[in-house]
Amino acid sequence: MKRIILLIILTFTINAIAQDGSDIKYVGINDIDDSYVGKLVHLDFYNRSFGAFNLDKKDLNDTINIQLENKNIEFKEHRVDNGFNNWFSQQYIESTKFVDGYKIRISMCKIKGIKSDSITVILFLEYRDKNGKTNSEKPNRLEYKFPKKILAEILVRN
């Protein structure tokens, strides 16, 4: 009987000390101020895409059109936010189609300026071919301004 009780206690203790992981802080767009200038972030467009309570498994990842290289390019959010393990490096947005032989990935942004109606960021761009290989010859940083009204929140790297 003592062994059964010990086994039950150990089982619950092991489960109680299990840890989740995250290096992301979620900040509502209305809570952003100048203290965030210079921070590395991901922008969450339109609808909050945090999937921890997505019981019906809907696709929470929004699409956004961004003007790059004189082209209007559609991007889709790629979020790995499940409420347990949320890592900044796994979040990005990526073009839905190939542009001149490359998918364009925005791996993160750096906040450059905040106004009452907009946020200016430096986009960190990656150009990936059909095999996923990165082209380092293309420009990889670009300043861009987004209206706040299309942003739900930002994901800040802790």
N, C-alpha and C. Protein backbone atom coordinates (compact mmCIF):
# COMPACT_ATOMS: atom_id res chain seq x y z
N MET A 1 0.83 -1.20 0.00
CA MET A 1 0.00 0.00 0.00
C MET A 1 0.87 1.26 0.00
N LYS A 2 1.98 1.22 0.75
CA LYS A 2 2.89 2.37 0.81
C LYS A 2 3.48 2.65 -0.58
N ARG A 3 3.76 1.60 -1.31
CA ARG A 3 4.32 1.78 -2.65
C ARG A 3 3.31 2.44 -3.59
N ILE A 4 2.06 2.06 -3.48
CA ILE A 4 1.02 2.65 -4.33
C ILE A 4 0.87 4.14 -4.01
N ILE A 5 0.83 4.47 -2.74
CA ILE A 5 0.72 5.87 -2.34
C ILE A 5 1.94 6.65 -2.81
N LEU A 6 3.12 6.09 -2.65
CA LEU A 6 4.36 6.74 -3.11
C LEU A 6 4.33 6.96 -4.63
N LEU A 7 3.87 5.95 -5.34
CA LEU A 7 3.78 6.06 -6.79
C LEU A 7 2.81 7.17 -7.20
N ILE A 8 1.67 7.26 -6.54
CA ILE A 8 0.70 8.31 -6.83
C ILE A 8 1.30 9.68 -6.54
N ILE A 9 1.96 9.83 -5.42
CA ILE A 9 2.57 11.11 -5.06
C ILE A 9 3.65 11.49 -6.07
N LEU A 10 4.49 10.56 -6.46
CA LEU A 10 5.54 10.84 -7.45
C LEU A 10 4.95 11.24 -8.80
N THR A 11 3.90 10.56 -9.20
CA THR A 11 3.26 10.87 -10.48
C THR A 11 2.76 12.31 -10.50
N PHE A 12 2.07 12.72 -9.46
CA PHE A 12 1.56 14.09 -9.40
C PHE A 12 2.68 15.11 -9.24
N THR A 13 3.72 14.77 -8.51
CA THR A 13 4.85 15.68 -8.32
C THR A 13 5.60 15.91 -9.63
N ILE A 14 5.82 14.86 -10.37
CA ILE A 14 6.53 14.99 -11.65
C ILE A 14 5.74 15.88 -12.60
N ASN A 15 4.43 15.68 -12.67
CA ASN A 15 3.59 16.52 -13.53
C ASN A 15 3.58 17.97 -13.06
N ALA A 16 3.65 18.19 -11.77
CA ALA A 16 3.58 19.54 -11.23
C ALA A 16 4.84 20.35 -11.52
N ILE A 17 5.99 19.69 -11.68
CA ILE A 17 7.22 20.44 -11.90
C ILE A 17 7.59 20.56 -13.39
N ALA A 18 6.77 20.00 -14.26
CA ALA A 18 7.01 20.14 -15.69
C ALA A 18 6.88 21.61 -16.07
N GLN A 19 7.75 22.07 -16.95
CA GLN A 19 7.73 23.48 -17.31
C GLN A 19 7.42 23.67 -18.79
N ASP A 20 6.73 24.74 -19.05
CA ASP A 20 6.52 25.18 -20.42
C ASP A 20 7.61 26.21 -20.71
N GLY A 21 7.67 26.67 -21.94
CA GLY A 21 8.68 27.65 -22.27
C GLY A 21 8.15 28.73 -23.18
N SER A 22 8.66 29.92 -22.99
CA SER A 22 8.29 31.03 -23.85
C SER A 22 9.32 32.14 -23.69
N ASP A 23 9.65 32.76 -24.80
CA ASP A 23 10.50 33.96 -24.74
C ASP A 23 9.79 35.12 -25.43
N ILE A 24 8.44 35.09 -25.37
CA ILE A 24 7.61 36.11 -26.02
C ILE A 24 6.73 36.79 -24.98
N LYS A 25 6.67 38.11 -25.09
CA LYS A 25 5.72 38.90 -24.30
C LYS A 25 4.70 39.45 -25.29
N TYR A 26 3.41 39.28 -25.01
CA TYR A 26 2.34 39.75 -25.88
C TYR A 26 1.86 41.11 -25.38
N VAL A 27 1.89 42.11 -26.26
CA VAL A 27 1.53 43.48 -25.87
C VAL A 27 0.46 44.00 -26.84
N GLY A 28 -0.66 44.45 -26.29
CA GLY A 28 -1.71 45.02 -27.10
C GLY A 28 -1.23 46.27 -27.82
N ILE A 29 -1.72 46.51 -29.00
CA ILE A 29 -1.24 47.63 -29.82
C ILE A 29 -1.49 48.97 -29.13
N ASN A 30 -2.53 49.08 -28.32
CA ASN A 30 -2.80 50.33 -27.62
C ASN A 30 -1.89 50.54 -26.41
N ASP A 31 -1.14 49.51 -26.03
CA ASP A 31 -0.22 49.61 -24.91
C ASP A 31 1.22 49.92 -25.35
N ILE A 32 1.42 50.06 -26.64
CA ILE A 32 2.76 50.33 -27.17
C ILE A 32 3.09 51.80 -26.97
N ASP A 33 4.30 52.06 -26.45
CA ASP A 33 4.76 53.44 -26.30
C ASP A 33 6.23 53.51 -26.70
N ASP A 34 6.84 54.66 -26.50
CA ASP A 34 8.23 54.87 -26.93
C ASP A 34 9.23 53.95 -26.23
N SER A 35 8.86 53.34 -25.13
CA SER A 35 9.78 52.43 -24.46
C SER A 35 10.05 51.17 -25.30
N TYR A 36 9.22 50.93 -26.33
CA TYR A 36 9.40 49.77 -27.20
C TYR A 36 10.28 50.06 -28.42
N VAL A 37 10.65 51.32 -28.62
CA VAL A 37 11.52 51.66 -29.74
C VAL A 37 12.86 50.94 -29.55
N GLY A 38 13.31 50.29 -30.62
CA GLY A 38 14.55 49.52 -30.58
C GLY A 38 14.36 48.06 -30.25
N LYS A 39 13.17 47.66 -29.88
CA LYS A 39 12.90 46.26 -29.52
C LYS A 39 12.64 45.42 -30.76
N LEU A 40 13.04 44.15 -30.70
CA LEU A 40 12.75 43.20 -31.76
C LEU A 40 11.37 42.62 -31.50
N VAL A 41 10.53 42.61 -32.55
CA VAL A 41 9.13 42.20 -32.39
C VAL A 41 8.65 41.45 -33.63
N HIS A 42 7.49 40.83 -33.46
CA HIS A 42 6.67 40.36 -34.57
C HIS A 42 5.37 41.13 -34.48
N LEU A 43 4.84 41.50 -35.61
CA LEU A 43 3.56 42.20 -35.64
C LEU A 43 2.46 41.18 -35.89
N ASP A 44 1.41 41.26 -35.10
CA ASP A 44 0.27 40.37 -35.27
C ASP A 44 -0.84 41.19 -35.92
N PHE A 45 -1.18 40.85 -37.15
CA PHE A 45 -2.10 41.63 -37.96
C PHE A 45 -3.55 41.20 -37.75
N TYR A 46 -4.43 42.17 -37.78
CA TYR A 46 -5.89 42.03 -37.79
C TYR A 46 -6.44 41.30 -36.56
N ASN A 47 -6.31 40.01 -36.50
CA ASN A 47 -6.87 39.21 -35.41
C ASN A 47 -5.75 38.60 -34.58
N ARG A 48 -5.96 38.51 -33.31
CA ARG A 48 -4.96 37.90 -32.43
C ARG A 48 -4.78 36.45 -32.86
N SER A 49 -3.53 36.05 -33.12
CA SER A 49 -3.29 34.71 -33.64
C SER A 49 -2.74 33.75 -32.60
N PHE A 50 -2.79 34.12 -31.34
CA PHE A 50 -2.37 33.23 -30.26
C PHE A 50 -3.31 32.04 -30.23
N GLY A 51 -2.78 30.83 -30.36
CA GLY A 51 -3.62 29.66 -30.54
C GLY A 51 -3.85 28.79 -29.33
N ALA A 52 -3.53 29.25 -28.14
CA ALA A 52 -3.64 28.39 -26.96
C ALA A 52 -5.07 27.92 -26.71
N PHE A 53 -6.07 28.74 -27.00
CA PHE A 53 -7.44 28.37 -26.71
C PHE A 53 -8.26 28.18 -27.99
N ASN A 54 -7.60 27.75 -29.04
CA ASN A 54 -8.23 27.53 -30.33
C ASN A 54 -8.77 26.09 -30.38
N LEU A 55 -9.88 25.87 -29.70
CA LEU A 55 -10.41 24.52 -29.57
C LEU A 55 -10.98 23.97 -30.86
N ASP A 56 -11.48 24.83 -31.74
CA ASP A 56 -12.04 24.34 -33.00
C ASP A 56 -11.01 24.30 -34.13
N LYS A 57 -9.75 24.54 -33.81
CA LYS A 57 -8.62 24.41 -34.75
C LYS A 57 -8.76 25.27 -36.00
N LYS A 58 -9.33 26.46 -35.86
CA LYS A 58 -9.43 27.40 -36.97
C LYS A 58 -8.04 27.96 -37.30
N ASP A 59 -7.84 28.30 -38.54
CA ASP A 59 -6.58 28.94 -38.94
C ASP A 59 -6.63 30.39 -38.46
N LEU A 60 -5.83 30.71 -37.45
CA LEU A 60 -5.82 32.05 -36.87
C LEU A 60 -4.81 32.98 -37.54
N ASN A 61 -4.09 32.45 -38.52
CA ASN A 61 -3.04 33.23 -39.16
C ASN A 61 -3.61 34.09 -40.28
N ASP A 62 -3.46 35.40 -40.11
CA ASP A 62 -4.00 36.35 -41.08
C ASP A 62 -3.05 36.54 -42.26
N THR A 63 -3.60 37.11 -43.33
CA THR A 63 -2.77 37.54 -44.46
C THR A 63 -2.74 39.06 -44.48
N ILE A 64 -1.66 39.59 -45.03
CA ILE A 64 -1.44 41.04 -45.11
C ILE A 64 -0.75 41.33 -46.43
N ASN A 65 -1.13 42.41 -47.10
CA ASN A 65 -0.45 42.84 -48.32
C ASN A 65 0.57 43.91 -47.96
N ILE A 66 1.80 43.71 -48.42
CA ILE A 66 2.89 44.64 -48.15
C ILE A 66 3.53 45.00 -49.49
N GLN A 67 3.78 46.29 -49.68
CA GLN A 67 4.39 46.80 -50.90
C GLN A 67 5.92 46.66 -50.77
N LEU A 68 6.51 45.74 -51.55
CA LEU A 68 7.96 45.54 -51.58
C LEU A 68 8.42 45.51 -53.02
N GLU A 69 9.55 46.11 -53.28
CA GLU A 69 10.14 46.09 -54.62
C GLU A 69 9.12 46.49 -55.69
N ASN A 70 8.33 47.52 -55.37
CA ASN A 70 7.29 48.03 -56.27
C ASN A 70 6.24 46.99 -56.63
N LYS A 71 6.05 46.00 -55.76
CA LYS A 71 5.04 44.98 -55.97
C LYS A 71 4.20 44.85 -54.71
N ASN A 72 2.92 44.62 -54.90
CA ASN A 72 2.02 44.36 -53.79
C ASN A 72 2.06 42.86 -53.52
N ILE A 73 2.65 42.46 -52.41
CA ILE A 73 2.90 41.05 -52.11
C ILE A 73 2.06 40.62 -50.91
N GLU A 74 1.37 39.49 -51.06
CA GLU A 74 0.58 38.95 -49.97
C GLU A 74 1.46 38.07 -49.07
N PHE A 75 1.37 38.32 -47.77
CA PHE A 75 2.10 37.56 -46.77
C PHE A 75 1.11 36.87 -45.84
N LYS A 76 1.50 35.74 -45.31
CA LYS A 76 0.68 35.04 -44.33
C LYS A 76 1.49 34.83 -43.05
N GLU A 77 0.82 35.05 -41.93
CA GLU A 77 1.47 34.83 -40.63
C GLU A 77 1.74 33.34 -40.43
N HIS A 78 2.88 33.06 -39.85
CA HIS A 78 3.22 31.70 -39.41
C HIS A 78 3.46 31.81 -37.91
N ARG A 79 2.53 31.27 -37.14
CA ARG A 79 2.62 31.38 -35.69
C ARG A 79 2.66 29.99 -35.08
N VAL A 80 3.55 29.83 -34.12
CA VAL A 80 3.64 28.61 -33.33
C VAL A 80 3.45 29.04 -31.89
N ASP A 81 2.22 29.45 -31.59
CA ASP A 81 1.84 29.90 -30.25
C ASP A 81 0.77 28.95 -29.74
N ASN A 82 1.14 28.02 -28.89
CA ASN A 82 0.17 27.05 -28.44
C ASN A 82 -0.14 27.14 -26.95
N GLY A 83 0.41 28.12 -26.27
CA GLY A 83 0.17 28.26 -24.84
C GLY A 83 1.15 27.50 -23.99
N PHE A 84 1.97 26.66 -24.58
CA PHE A 84 2.92 25.87 -23.81
C PHE A 84 4.36 26.23 -24.16
N ASN A 85 4.67 26.18 -25.43
CA ASN A 85 6.02 26.50 -25.90
C ASN A 85 5.89 27.53 -27.02
N ASN A 86 6.26 28.77 -26.73
CA ASN A 86 6.11 29.87 -27.67
C ASN A 86 7.46 30.54 -27.83
N TRP A 87 8.12 30.31 -28.94
CA TRP A 87 9.47 30.81 -29.14
C TRP A 87 9.48 31.87 -30.24
N PHE A 88 10.13 32.98 -29.94
CA PHE A 88 10.20 34.11 -30.85
C PHE A 88 10.76 33.69 -32.22
N SER A 89 11.78 32.86 -32.23
CA SER A 89 12.44 32.46 -33.48
C SER A 89 11.55 31.62 -34.39
N GLN A 90 10.45 31.08 -33.89
CA GLN A 90 9.57 30.25 -34.71
C GLN A 90 8.44 31.04 -35.35
N GLN A 91 8.35 32.32 -35.08
CA GLN A 91 7.29 33.16 -35.62
C GLN A 91 7.83 33.94 -36.83
N TYR A 92 7.02 34.10 -37.85
CA TYR A 92 7.41 34.92 -39.01
C TYR A 92 6.18 35.12 -39.89
N ILE A 93 6.33 35.97 -40.90
CA ILE A 93 5.34 36.04 -41.97
C ILE A 93 6.08 35.75 -43.27
N GLU A 94 5.37 35.14 -44.22
CA GLU A 94 6.01 34.72 -45.46
C GLU A 94 5.08 34.96 -46.64
N SER A 95 5.67 35.33 -47.77
CA SER A 95 4.86 35.55 -48.96
C SER A 95 4.13 34.26 -49.33
N THR A 96 2.90 34.41 -49.78
CA THR A 96 2.10 33.24 -50.12
C THR A 96 2.51 32.64 -51.47
N LYS A 97 3.19 33.45 -52.29
CA LYS A 97 3.65 32.99 -53.60
C LYS A 97 5.13 33.30 -53.77
N PHE A 98 5.74 32.65 -54.74
CA PHE A 98 7.12 32.96 -55.07
C PHE A 98 7.17 34.27 -55.84
N VAL A 99 8.13 35.11 -55.51
CA VAL A 99 8.33 36.38 -56.18
C VAL A 99 9.74 36.35 -56.77
N ASP A 100 9.82 36.37 -58.09
CA ASP A 100 11.11 36.27 -58.79
C ASP A 100 11.92 35.06 -58.31
N GLY A 101 11.25 33.94 -58.11
CA GLY A 101 11.91 32.70 -57.73
C GLY A 101 12.15 32.52 -56.24
N TYR A 102 11.65 33.44 -55.42
CA TYR A 102 11.89 33.36 -53.97
C TYR A 102 10.61 33.58 -53.17
N LYS A 103 10.50 32.86 -52.08
CA LYS A 103 9.52 33.21 -51.05
C LYS A 103 10.21 34.25 -50.18
N ILE A 104 9.49 35.29 -49.83
CA ILE A 104 10.06 36.34 -49.00
C ILE A 104 9.53 36.14 -47.58
N ARG A 105 10.44 36.00 -46.65
CA ARG A 105 10.07 35.80 -45.25
C ARG A 105 10.50 37.02 -44.46
N ILE A 106 9.60 37.52 -43.63
CA ILE A 106 9.95 38.57 -42.68
C ILE A 106 10.12 37.87 -41.34
N SER A 107 11.38 37.71 -40.95
CA SER A 107 11.69 36.90 -39.77
C SER A 107 11.45 37.66 -38.46
N MET A 108 11.49 38.98 -38.51
CA MET A 108 11.21 39.82 -37.34
C MET A 108 11.25 41.27 -37.78
N CYS A 109 10.92 42.15 -36.86
CA CYS A 109 10.96 43.59 -37.10
C CYS A 109 11.64 44.25 -35.91
N LYS A 110 12.15 45.43 -36.14
CA LYS A 110 12.70 46.25 -35.05
C LYS A 110 11.93 47.56 -35.07
N ILE A 111 11.37 47.92 -33.93
CA ILE A 111 10.56 49.14 -33.88
C ILE A 111 11.47 50.36 -33.99
N LYS A 112 11.15 51.21 -34.96
CA LYS A 112 11.92 52.43 -35.17
C LYS A 112 11.19 53.66 -34.63
N GLY A 113 9.88 53.67 -34.73
CA GLY A 113 9.12 54.82 -34.25
C GLY A 113 7.66 54.48 -34.05
N ILE A 114 7.03 55.20 -33.12
CA ILE A 114 5.63 54.97 -32.80
C ILE A 114 4.91 56.30 -32.81
N LYS A 115 3.81 56.35 -33.55
CA LYS A 115 2.94 57.53 -33.57
C LYS A 115 1.55 57.08 -33.12
N SER A 116 0.67 58.02 -32.95
CA SER A 116 -0.67 57.68 -32.46
C SER A 116 -1.42 56.77 -33.41
N ASP A 117 -1.14 56.87 -34.73
CA ASP A 117 -1.88 56.08 -35.70
C ASP A 117 -1.04 55.09 -36.49
N SER A 118 0.28 55.03 -36.23
CA SER A 118 1.14 54.14 -37.02
C SER A 118 2.35 53.68 -36.21
N ILE A 119 2.99 52.68 -36.74
CA ILE A 119 4.23 52.17 -36.17
C ILE A 119 5.21 51.96 -37.33
N THR A 120 6.42 52.47 -37.18
CA THR A 120 7.46 52.32 -38.19
C THR A 120 8.45 51.27 -37.70
N VAL A 121 8.75 50.32 -38.57
CA VAL A 121 9.65 49.23 -38.20
C VAL A 121 10.70 49.01 -39.29
N ILE A 122 11.74 48.33 -38.91
CA ILE A 122 12.72 47.81 -39.86
C ILE A 122 12.37 46.34 -40.05
N LEU A 123 12.03 45.97 -41.29
CA LEU A 123 11.71 44.58 -41.60
C LEU A 123 13.01 43.81 -41.85
N PHE A 124 13.13 42.64 -41.25
CA PHE A 124 14.26 41.75 -41.50
C PHE A 124 13.80 40.71 -42.52
N LEU A 125 14.30 40.83 -43.74
CA LEU A 125 13.84 40.02 -44.86
C LEU A 125 14.78 38.85 -45.14
N GLU A 126 14.18 37.74 -45.51
CA GLU A 126 14.94 36.58 -45.99
C GLU A 126 14.31 36.15 -47.30
N TYR A 127 15.13 35.86 -48.30
CA TYR A 127 14.65 35.39 -49.59
C TYR A 127 15.04 33.92 -49.70
N ARG A 128 14.04 33.04 -49.79
CA ARG A 128 14.28 31.60 -49.80
C ARG A 128 13.83 31.00 -51.13
N ASP A 129 14.70 30.18 -51.72
CA ASP A 129 14.33 29.53 -52.97
C ASP A 129 13.42 28.33 -52.69
N LYS A 130 13.08 27.59 -53.74
CA LYS A 130 12.13 26.48 -53.59
C LYS A 130 12.66 25.38 -52.67
N ASN A 131 13.95 25.33 -52.45
CA ASN A 131 14.54 24.34 -51.54
C ASN A 131 14.74 24.89 -50.12
N GLY A 132 14.33 26.14 -49.91
CA GLY A 132 14.47 26.74 -48.60
C GLY A 132 15.81 27.41 -48.34
N LYS A 133 16.69 27.41 -49.36
CA LYS A 133 18.00 28.02 -49.21
C LYS A 133 17.87 29.54 -49.27
N THR A 134 18.57 30.23 -48.37
CA THR A 134 18.49 31.68 -48.28
C THR A 134 19.45 32.34 -49.25
N ASN A 135 18.98 33.37 -49.95
CA ASN A 135 19.81 34.18 -50.83
C ASN A 135 20.28 35.39 -50.03
N SER A 136 21.56 35.47 -49.74
CA SER A 136 22.10 36.55 -48.92
C SER A 136 22.49 37.78 -49.74
N GLU A 137 22.36 37.72 -51.07
CA GLU A 137 22.75 38.85 -51.91
C GLU A 137 21.67 39.92 -52.00
N LYS A 138 20.43 39.55 -51.73
CA LYS A 138 19.33 40.52 -51.81
C LYS A 138 19.33 41.39 -50.56
N PRO A 139 18.76 42.60 -50.65
CA PRO A 139 18.71 43.46 -49.46
C PRO A 139 17.89 42.79 -48.36
N ASN A 140 18.38 42.87 -47.14
CA ASN A 140 17.71 42.13 -46.09
C ASN A 140 17.08 43.00 -45.00
N ARG A 141 17.13 44.31 -45.15
CA ARG A 141 16.47 45.19 -44.19
C ARG A 141 15.78 46.33 -44.94
N LEU A 142 14.58 46.65 -44.48
CA LEU A 142 13.80 47.67 -45.14
C LEU A 142 12.91 48.36 -44.12
N GLU A 143 12.88 49.69 -44.17
CA GLU A 143 11.99 50.45 -43.29
C GLU A 143 10.58 50.44 -43.87
N TYR A 144 9.58 50.26 -42.99
CA TYR A 144 8.19 50.18 -43.43
C TYR A 144 7.28 50.73 -42.34
N LYS A 145 6.18 51.35 -42.75
CA LYS A 145 5.22 51.92 -41.80
C LYS A 145 3.88 51.20 -41.94
N PHE A 146 3.34 50.77 -40.80
CA PHE A 146 2.03 50.11 -40.76
C PHE A 146 1.06 50.96 -39.96
N PRO A 147 -0.19 51.06 -40.43
CA PRO A 147 -1.20 51.75 -39.60
C PRO A 147 -1.55 50.86 -38.40
N LYS A 148 -1.71 51.48 -37.25
CA LYS A 148 -2.04 50.71 -36.05
C LYS A 148 -3.38 50.00 -36.16
N LYS A 149 -4.29 50.54 -36.96
CA LYS A 149 -5.63 49.96 -37.03
C LYS A 149 -5.64 48.54 -37.60
N ILE A 150 -4.57 48.10 -38.28
CA ILE A 150 -4.52 46.74 -38.81
C ILE A 150 -3.76 45.79 -37.88
N LEU A 151 -3.28 46.30 -36.76
CA LEU A 151 -2.49 45.48 -35.82
C LEU A 151 -3.31 45.11 -34.60
N ALA A 152 -3.24 43.85 -34.20
CA ALA A 152 -3.93 43.38 -33.00
C ALA A 152 -3.02 43.52 -31.78
N GLU A 153 -1.76 43.13 -31.95
CA GLU A 153 -0.79 43.18 -30.85
C GLU A 153 0.61 42.99 -31.44
N ILE A 154 1.59 43.12 -30.58
CA ILE A 154 2.95 42.80 -31.00
C ILE A 154 3.49 41.71 -30.07
N LEU A 155 4.37 40.92 -30.62
CA LEU A 155 5.04 39.87 -29.87
C LEU A 155 6.47 40.37 -29.67
N VAL A 156 6.84 40.62 -28.43
CA VAL A 156 8.15 41.17 -28.10
C VAL A 156 9.05 40.06 -27.61
N ARG A 157 10.29 40.03 -28.10
CA ARG A 157 11.24 39.04 -27.62
C ARG A 157 11.70 39.43 -26.22
N ASN A 158 11.53 38.52 -25.28
CA ASN A 158 12.00 38.74 -23.90
C ASN A 158 13.47 38.46 -23.78
